[in-house]
Amino acid sequence: MNDGLSELEKIAIAYTKLKEIDRNADLTELAIKIIDPLSLPDFNFNLRKEALVAEGTTTYIYENNATYPSLFNFLAEILHSKVPIAVNDAKFGPGEIIVADGNKEVADIKLISACRELRNLIHAKRTEAFSR
C-alpha cells in the first residue's frame, strides 16, 4: 500500500494548499478522497517488517523511511486532535507509529486494534467532511 499512502499525502498537500489560498474553497472532494481509502477495512499502513523495541515501546517505521506530514496534519484536523494522533496504546505520526508495549508480539496486536479504531474514527468524520 506504499503507493496508496504516497497518493494520500499528495491529496493532503493539495487540500492544505487550497485551504490556504481560498478559505471558502469546497474541500469536500479532496477530504473524501483521503477519508474513503483510510476507512476501508483492508487499509494498512505500509510499515517495515522489523520494528524497534526499546524502553517499553515498539516503534514501527514506514517503508523506505517515508513520511506523511500533510496526511497526518489533515487527520489531526478532522479528528480534532494533534500530531501524533493517540489511539488506544498507539501514537500515529508522520514518520512512525509508536505502541506503548515493549513486547513485539503484544505490540503487533495492539497496533492492529489501534489501526482498526483509527479507521473507525476517520470513517465517522466522513459526514462531517460534507458539511465543510
N, C-alpha and C. Protein backbone atom coordinates (compact mmCIF):
# COMPACT_ATOMS: atom_id res chain seq x y z
N MET A 1 0.84 -1.19 0.00
CA MET A 1 0.00 0.00 0.00
C MET A 1 0.88 1.25 0.00
N ASN A 2 2.16 1.09 -0.28
CA ASN A 2 3.09 2.21 -0.27
C ASN A 2 2.63 3.32 -1.20
N ASP A 3 2.24 2.98 -2.44
CA ASP A 3 1.78 3.98 -3.38
C ASP A 3 0.52 4.66 -2.87
N GLY A 4 -0.31 3.92 -2.14
CA GLY A 4 -1.54 4.47 -1.60
C GLY A 4 -1.29 5.58 -0.61
N LEU A 5 -0.39 5.38 0.32
CA LEU A 5 -0.09 6.42 1.30
C LEU A 5 0.57 7.63 0.64
N SER A 6 1.44 7.38 -0.33
CA SER A 6 2.07 8.49 -1.04
C SER A 6 1.03 9.29 -1.79
N GLU A 7 0.07 8.61 -2.40
CA GLU A 7 -1.01 9.31 -3.12
C GLU A 7 -1.87 10.11 -2.15
N LEU A 8 -2.17 9.55 -0.99
CA LEU A 8 -2.95 10.28 0.02
C LEU A 8 -2.19 11.49 0.51
N GLU A 9 -0.87 11.37 0.64
CA GLU A 9 -0.05 12.52 1.04
C GLU A 9 -0.15 13.63 0.00
N LYS A 10 -0.13 13.28 -1.29
CA LYS A 10 -0.26 14.29 -2.36
C LYS A 10 -1.62 14.98 -2.29
N ILE A 11 -2.66 14.22 -2.04
CA ILE A 11 -4.00 14.81 -1.93
C ILE A 11 -4.07 15.73 -0.72
N ALA A 12 -3.46 15.31 0.39
CA ALA A 12 -3.44 16.13 1.60
C ALA A 12 -2.68 17.43 1.37
N ILE A 13 -1.61 17.39 0.60
CA ILE A 13 -0.87 18.60 0.26
C ILE A 13 -1.75 19.54 -0.56
N ALA A 14 -2.47 18.98 -1.53
CA ALA A 14 -3.38 19.78 -2.35
C ALA A 14 -4.48 20.39 -1.48
N TYR A 15 -4.99 19.62 -0.54
CA TYR A 15 -6.02 20.09 0.38
C TYR A 15 -5.50 21.29 1.18
N THR A 16 -4.31 21.16 1.72
CA THR A 16 -3.71 22.23 2.53
C THR A 16 -3.48 23.49 1.70
N LYS A 17 -2.95 23.32 0.50
CA LYS A 17 -2.69 24.48 -0.37
C LYS A 17 -3.98 25.19 -0.74
N LEU A 18 -5.00 24.42 -1.11
CA LEU A 18 -6.28 25.02 -1.48
C LEU A 18 -6.90 25.75 -0.29
N LYS A 19 -6.78 25.16 0.88
CA LYS A 19 -7.33 25.78 2.09
C LYS A 19 -6.62 27.10 2.39
N GLU A 20 -5.31 27.15 2.17
CA GLU A 20 -4.54 28.37 2.42
C GLU A 20 -4.87 29.46 1.41
N ILE A 21 -5.06 29.08 0.16
CA ILE A 21 -5.31 30.05 -0.91
C ILE A 21 -6.73 30.59 -0.86
N ASP A 22 -7.69 29.71 -0.67
CA ASP A 22 -9.11 30.10 -0.74
C ASP A 22 -9.84 29.53 0.47
N ARG A 23 -10.06 30.39 1.44
CA ARG A 23 -10.72 29.94 2.68
C ARG A 23 -12.14 29.46 2.44
N ASN A 24 -12.76 29.88 1.34
CA ASN A 24 -14.12 29.47 1.04
C ASN A 24 -14.18 28.31 0.05
N ALA A 25 -13.04 27.72 -0.25
CA ALA A 25 -12.98 26.63 -1.22
C ALA A 25 -13.76 25.42 -0.72
N ASP A 26 -14.31 24.70 -1.67
CA ASP A 26 -15.01 23.46 -1.34
C ASP A 26 -13.96 22.35 -1.26
N LEU A 27 -13.62 21.99 -0.06
CA LEU A 27 -12.58 21.00 0.18
C LEU A 27 -13.14 19.58 0.34
N THR A 28 -14.46 19.46 0.21
CA THR A 28 -15.12 18.19 0.45
C THR A 28 -14.58 17.07 -0.42
N GLU A 29 -14.43 17.33 -1.71
CA GLU A 29 -13.99 16.28 -2.63
C GLU A 29 -12.61 15.76 -2.25
N LEU A 30 -11.69 16.67 -1.93
CA LEU A 30 -10.35 16.24 -1.53
C LEU A 30 -10.39 15.49 -0.20
N ALA A 31 -11.19 15.98 0.74
CA ALA A 31 -11.30 15.31 2.04
C ALA A 31 -11.82 13.88 1.88
N ILE A 32 -12.83 13.72 1.05
CA ILE A 32 -13.40 12.39 0.83
C ILE A 32 -12.39 11.47 0.14
N LYS A 33 -11.56 12.03 -0.76
CA LYS A 33 -10.54 11.22 -1.43
C LYS A 33 -9.49 10.70 -0.45
N ILE A 34 -9.37 11.35 0.68
CA ILE A 34 -8.44 10.89 1.72
C ILE A 34 -9.17 9.96 2.69
N ILE A 35 -10.34 10.36 3.13
CA ILE A 35 -11.09 9.61 4.14
C ILE A 35 -11.50 8.22 3.65
N ASP A 36 -12.02 8.13 2.42
CA ASP A 36 -12.55 6.84 1.95
C ASP A 36 -11.51 5.73 1.93
N PRO A 37 -10.32 5.92 1.34
CA PRO A 37 -9.36 4.81 1.36
C PRO A 37 -8.90 4.43 2.78
N LEU A 38 -8.76 5.43 3.64
CA LEU A 38 -8.33 5.16 5.01
C LEU A 38 -9.40 4.42 5.81
N SER A 39 -10.65 4.52 5.37
CA SER A 39 -11.76 3.88 6.07
C SER A 39 -11.98 2.43 5.67
N LEU A 40 -11.35 2.01 4.60
CA LEU A 40 -11.56 0.64 4.11
C LEU A 40 -11.04 -0.39 5.12
N PRO A 41 -11.78 -1.47 5.32
CA PRO A 41 -11.35 -2.50 6.29
C PRO A 41 -9.99 -3.10 5.98
N ASP A 42 -9.60 -3.13 4.70
CA ASP A 42 -8.32 -3.75 4.36
C ASP A 42 -7.18 -2.73 4.28
N PHE A 43 -7.43 -1.48 4.68
CA PHE A 43 -6.36 -0.48 4.65
C PHE A 43 -5.33 -0.82 5.72
N ASN A 44 -4.06 -0.74 5.34
CA ASN A 44 -2.96 -0.93 6.28
C ASN A 44 -1.88 0.09 5.99
N PHE A 45 -1.22 0.55 7.02
CA PHE A 45 -0.07 1.43 6.85
C PHE A 45 1.09 0.58 6.35
N ASN A 46 1.85 1.12 5.43
CA ASN A 46 2.99 0.39 4.87
C ASN A 46 4.18 0.50 5.82
N LEU A 47 4.26 -0.48 6.70
CA LEU A 47 5.31 -0.48 7.72
C LEU A 47 6.38 -1.52 7.40
N ARG A 48 7.60 -1.21 7.80
CA ARG A 48 8.67 -2.20 7.68
C ARG A 48 8.31 -3.41 8.53
N LYS A 49 8.80 -4.56 8.12
CA LYS A 49 8.53 -5.78 8.89
C LYS A 49 9.19 -5.73 10.26
N GLU A 50 10.41 -5.18 10.31
CA GLU A 50 11.11 -5.09 11.59
C GLU A 50 10.65 -3.83 12.33
N ALA A 51 10.67 -3.92 13.63
CA ALA A 51 10.30 -2.78 14.48
C ALA A 51 11.37 -2.63 15.56
N LEU A 52 11.44 -1.46 16.13
CA LEU A 52 12.42 -1.18 17.18
C LEU A 52 11.74 -1.27 18.54
N VAL A 53 12.23 -2.16 19.37
CA VAL A 53 11.69 -2.32 20.72
C VAL A 53 12.70 -1.72 21.69
N ALA A 54 12.25 -0.73 22.47
CA ALA A 54 13.14 -0.09 23.44
C ALA A 54 12.32 0.63 24.50
N GLU A 55 12.78 0.53 25.73
CA GLU A 55 12.19 1.27 26.86
C GLU A 55 10.67 1.15 26.94
N GLY A 56 10.16 -0.06 26.77
CA GLY A 56 8.74 -0.31 26.95
C GLY A 56 7.85 0.12 25.80
N THR A 57 8.45 0.43 24.65
CA THR A 57 7.65 0.79 23.47
C THR A 57 8.15 0.01 22.26
N THR A 58 7.29 -0.09 21.27
CA THR A 58 7.66 -0.67 19.98
C THR A 58 7.39 0.39 18.93
N THR A 59 8.41 0.70 18.14
CA THR A 59 8.30 1.74 17.12
C THR A 59 8.30 1.10 15.74
N TYR A 60 7.28 1.45 14.97
CA TYR A 60 7.14 0.96 13.60
C TYR A 60 7.44 2.12 12.66
N ILE A 61 8.28 1.87 11.67
CA ILE A 61 8.70 2.88 10.70
C ILE A 61 8.06 2.54 9.36
N TYR A 62 7.64 3.57 8.63
CA TYR A 62 7.07 3.36 7.30
C TYR A 62 8.14 2.87 6.34
N GLU A 63 7.75 2.07 5.37
CA GLU A 63 8.68 1.56 4.37
C GLU A 63 9.41 2.71 3.70
N ASN A 64 10.65 2.47 3.35
CA ASN A 64 11.50 3.45 2.66
C ASN A 64 11.69 4.74 3.45
N ASN A 65 11.53 4.66 4.78
CA ASN A 65 11.64 5.84 5.64
C ASN A 65 10.75 6.99 5.19
N ALA A 66 9.62 6.66 4.56
CA ALA A 66 8.69 7.67 4.07
C ALA A 66 8.07 8.43 5.24
N THR A 67 7.69 9.66 4.98
CA THR A 67 6.96 10.46 5.96
C THR A 67 5.73 11.06 5.28
N TYR A 68 4.72 11.32 6.08
CA TYR A 68 3.45 11.80 5.56
C TYR A 68 2.92 12.96 6.42
N PRO A 69 3.66 14.06 6.48
CA PRO A 69 3.27 15.17 7.36
C PRO A 69 1.93 15.80 7.00
N SER A 70 1.66 16.01 5.73
CA SER A 70 0.39 16.65 5.34
C SER A 70 -0.79 15.74 5.63
N LEU A 71 -0.62 14.46 5.39
CA LEU A 71 -1.68 13.50 5.68
C LEU A 71 -2.02 13.49 7.17
N PHE A 72 -1.01 13.47 8.01
CA PHE A 72 -1.28 13.42 9.45
C PHE A 72 -1.79 14.75 9.98
N ASN A 73 -1.38 15.86 9.38
CA ASN A 73 -1.98 17.15 9.76
C ASN A 73 -3.45 17.19 9.40
N PHE A 74 -3.80 16.65 8.22
CA PHE A 74 -5.20 16.56 7.81
C PHE A 74 -5.99 15.70 8.80
N LEU A 75 -5.44 14.52 9.12
CA LEU A 75 -6.14 13.62 10.05
C LEU A 75 -6.32 14.27 11.42
N ALA A 76 -5.29 14.94 11.91
CA ALA A 76 -5.40 15.63 13.20
C ALA A 76 -6.48 16.70 13.14
N GLU A 77 -6.56 17.40 12.01
CA GLU A 77 -7.59 18.43 11.85
C GLU A 77 -8.99 17.85 11.92
N ILE A 78 -9.24 16.79 11.14
CA ILE A 78 -10.60 16.25 11.12
C ILE A 78 -10.95 15.51 12.41
N LEU A 79 -9.95 14.99 13.10
CA LEU A 79 -10.20 14.27 14.36
C LEU A 79 -10.13 15.18 15.58
N HIS A 80 -9.91 16.48 15.33
CA HIS A 80 -9.78 17.46 16.41
C HIS A 80 -8.75 16.98 17.43
N SER A 81 -7.60 16.65 16.90
CA SER A 81 -6.51 16.09 17.69
C SER A 81 -5.24 16.86 17.36
N LYS A 82 -4.13 16.31 17.80
CA LYS A 82 -2.84 16.86 17.43
C LYS A 82 -1.95 15.71 16.99
N VAL A 83 -0.88 16.05 16.30
CA VAL A 83 0.07 15.04 15.84
C VAL A 83 1.15 14.87 16.90
N PRO A 84 1.48 13.66 17.31
CA PRO A 84 0.96 12.39 16.84
C PRO A 84 -0.46 12.13 17.36
N ILE A 85 -1.21 11.39 16.59
CA ILE A 85 -2.60 11.08 16.93
C ILE A 85 -2.62 9.86 17.84
N ALA A 86 -3.09 10.05 19.06
CA ALA A 86 -3.12 8.97 20.05
C ALA A 86 -4.43 8.19 19.92
N VAL A 87 -4.30 6.89 19.74
CA VAL A 87 -5.45 5.99 19.66
C VAL A 87 -5.09 4.75 20.46
N ASN A 88 -5.87 4.51 21.51
CA ASN A 88 -5.59 3.39 22.41
C ASN A 88 -4.14 3.47 22.89
N ASP A 89 -3.35 2.41 22.67
CA ASP A 89 -1.96 2.39 23.13
C ASP A 89 -0.97 2.80 22.04
N ALA A 90 -1.47 3.41 20.96
CA ALA A 90 -0.61 3.77 19.83
C ALA A 90 -0.63 5.28 19.58
N LYS A 91 0.49 5.77 19.07
CA LYS A 91 0.60 7.15 18.63
C LYS A 91 1.01 7.12 17.17
N PHE A 92 0.12 7.65 16.32
CA PHE A 92 0.35 7.65 14.88
C PHE A 92 0.97 8.98 14.48
N GLY A 93 2.15 8.94 13.90
CA GLY A 93 2.82 10.15 13.47
C GLY A 93 3.21 10.08 12.02
N PRO A 94 3.69 11.19 11.48
CA PRO A 94 4.02 11.24 10.06
C PRO A 94 5.20 10.36 9.66
N GLY A 95 6.06 9.98 10.59
CA GLY A 95 7.21 9.16 10.25
C GLY A 95 7.27 7.82 10.94
N GLU A 96 6.38 7.62 11.90
CA GLU A 96 6.43 6.38 12.68
C GLU A 96 5.14 6.21 13.46
N ILE A 97 4.93 4.98 13.91
CA ILE A 97 3.84 4.66 14.82
C ILE A 97 4.50 4.04 16.05
N ILE A 98 4.17 4.57 17.21
CA ILE A 98 4.75 4.07 18.46
C ILE A 98 3.65 3.42 19.29
N VAL A 99 3.90 2.19 19.70
CA VAL A 99 2.95 1.45 20.53
C VAL A 99 3.56 1.29 21.92
N ALA A 100 2.76 1.57 22.93
CA ALA A 100 3.22 1.52 24.32
C ALA A 100 3.23 0.08 24.83
N ASP A 101 4.15 -0.71 24.29
CA ASP A 101 4.36 -2.06 24.79
C ASP A 101 5.73 -2.52 24.29
N GLY A 102 6.54 -3.04 25.17
CA GLY A 102 7.88 -3.48 24.82
C GLY A 102 7.97 -4.90 24.33
N ASN A 103 6.84 -5.59 24.24
CA ASN A 103 6.81 -6.95 23.71
C ASN A 103 6.29 -6.87 22.28
N LYS A 104 7.11 -7.21 21.30
CA LYS A 104 6.75 -7.04 19.88
C LYS A 104 5.46 -7.75 19.51
N GLU A 105 5.27 -8.97 19.99
CA GLU A 105 4.06 -9.72 19.65
C GLU A 105 2.81 -9.04 20.21
N VAL A 106 2.88 -8.58 21.44
CA VAL A 106 1.76 -7.88 22.06
C VAL A 106 1.55 -6.53 21.36
N ALA A 107 2.64 -5.85 21.04
CA ALA A 107 2.55 -4.55 20.35
C ALA A 107 1.89 -4.71 18.99
N ASP A 108 2.20 -5.81 18.29
CA ASP A 108 1.56 -6.06 16.98
C ASP A 108 0.05 -6.15 17.12
N ILE A 109 -0.40 -6.84 18.15
CA ILE A 109 -1.85 -6.99 18.40
C ILE A 109 -2.46 -5.63 18.75
N LYS A 110 -1.78 -4.87 19.59
CA LYS A 110 -2.26 -3.54 19.96
C LYS A 110 -2.28 -2.61 18.74
N LEU A 111 -1.30 -2.76 17.87
CA LEU A 111 -1.26 -1.94 16.66
C LEU A 111 -2.45 -2.24 15.76
N ILE A 112 -2.75 -3.50 15.57
CA ILE A 112 -3.91 -3.89 14.75
C ILE A 112 -5.18 -3.30 15.33
N SER A 113 -5.35 -3.38 16.63
CA SER A 113 -6.53 -2.82 17.30
C SER A 113 -6.59 -1.30 17.14
N ALA A 114 -5.46 -0.62 17.31
CA ALA A 114 -5.42 0.83 17.18
C ALA A 114 -5.70 1.27 15.75
N CYS A 115 -5.18 0.53 14.78
CA CYS A 115 -5.45 0.85 13.38
C CYS A 115 -6.94 0.71 13.07
N ARG A 116 -7.55 -0.34 13.59
CA ARG A 116 -8.98 -0.54 13.40
C ARG A 116 -9.77 0.63 14.01
N GLU A 117 -9.40 1.03 15.21
CA GLU A 117 -10.09 2.14 15.87
C GLU A 117 -9.87 3.45 15.11
N LEU A 118 -8.65 3.67 14.63
CA LEU A 118 -8.37 4.88 13.84
C LEU A 118 -9.22 4.89 12.58
N ARG A 119 -9.32 3.77 11.88
CA ARG A 119 -10.19 3.68 10.69
C ARG A 119 -11.61 4.06 11.03
N ASN A 120 -12.11 3.55 12.15
CA ASN A 120 -13.49 3.86 12.58
C ASN A 120 -13.65 5.34 12.87
N LEU A 121 -12.68 5.94 13.54
CA LEU A 121 -12.75 7.37 13.86
C LEU A 121 -12.74 8.22 12.59
N ILE A 122 -11.88 7.84 11.65
CA ILE A 122 -11.80 8.58 10.39
C ILE A 122 -13.10 8.43 9.61
N HIS A 123 -13.62 7.22 9.54
CA HIS A 123 -14.87 6.98 8.81
C HIS A 123 -16.02 7.79 9.41
N ALA A 124 -16.05 7.90 10.71
CA ALA A 124 -17.12 8.66 11.38
C ALA A 124 -17.08 10.14 11.00
N LYS A 125 -15.94 10.62 10.56
CA LYS A 125 -15.80 12.03 10.17
C LYS A 125 -16.19 12.28 8.71
N ARG A 126 -16.55 11.24 7.98
CA ARG A 126 -16.90 11.39 6.58
C ARG A 126 -18.08 12.33 6.39
N THR A 127 -19.12 12.17 7.19
CA THR A 127 -20.29 13.04 7.05
C THR A 127 -19.95 14.48 7.40
N GLU A 128 -19.02 14.66 8.34
CA GLU A 128 -18.58 16.00 8.71
C GLU A 128 -17.88 16.68 7.54
N ALA A 129 -17.19 15.90 6.74
CA ALA A 129 -16.49 16.46 5.58
C ALA A 129 -17.48 17.05 4.59
N PHE A 130 -18.67 16.48 4.52
CA PHE A 130 -19.68 17.02 3.60
C PHE A 130 -20.20 18.37 4.03
N SER A 131 -20.08 18.68 5.32
CA SER A 131 -20.60 19.94 5.84
C SER A 131 -19.56 21.06 5.85
N ARG A 132 -18.41 20.82 5.27
CA ARG A 132 -17.34 21.83 5.23
C ARG A 132 -17.70 22.96 4.30
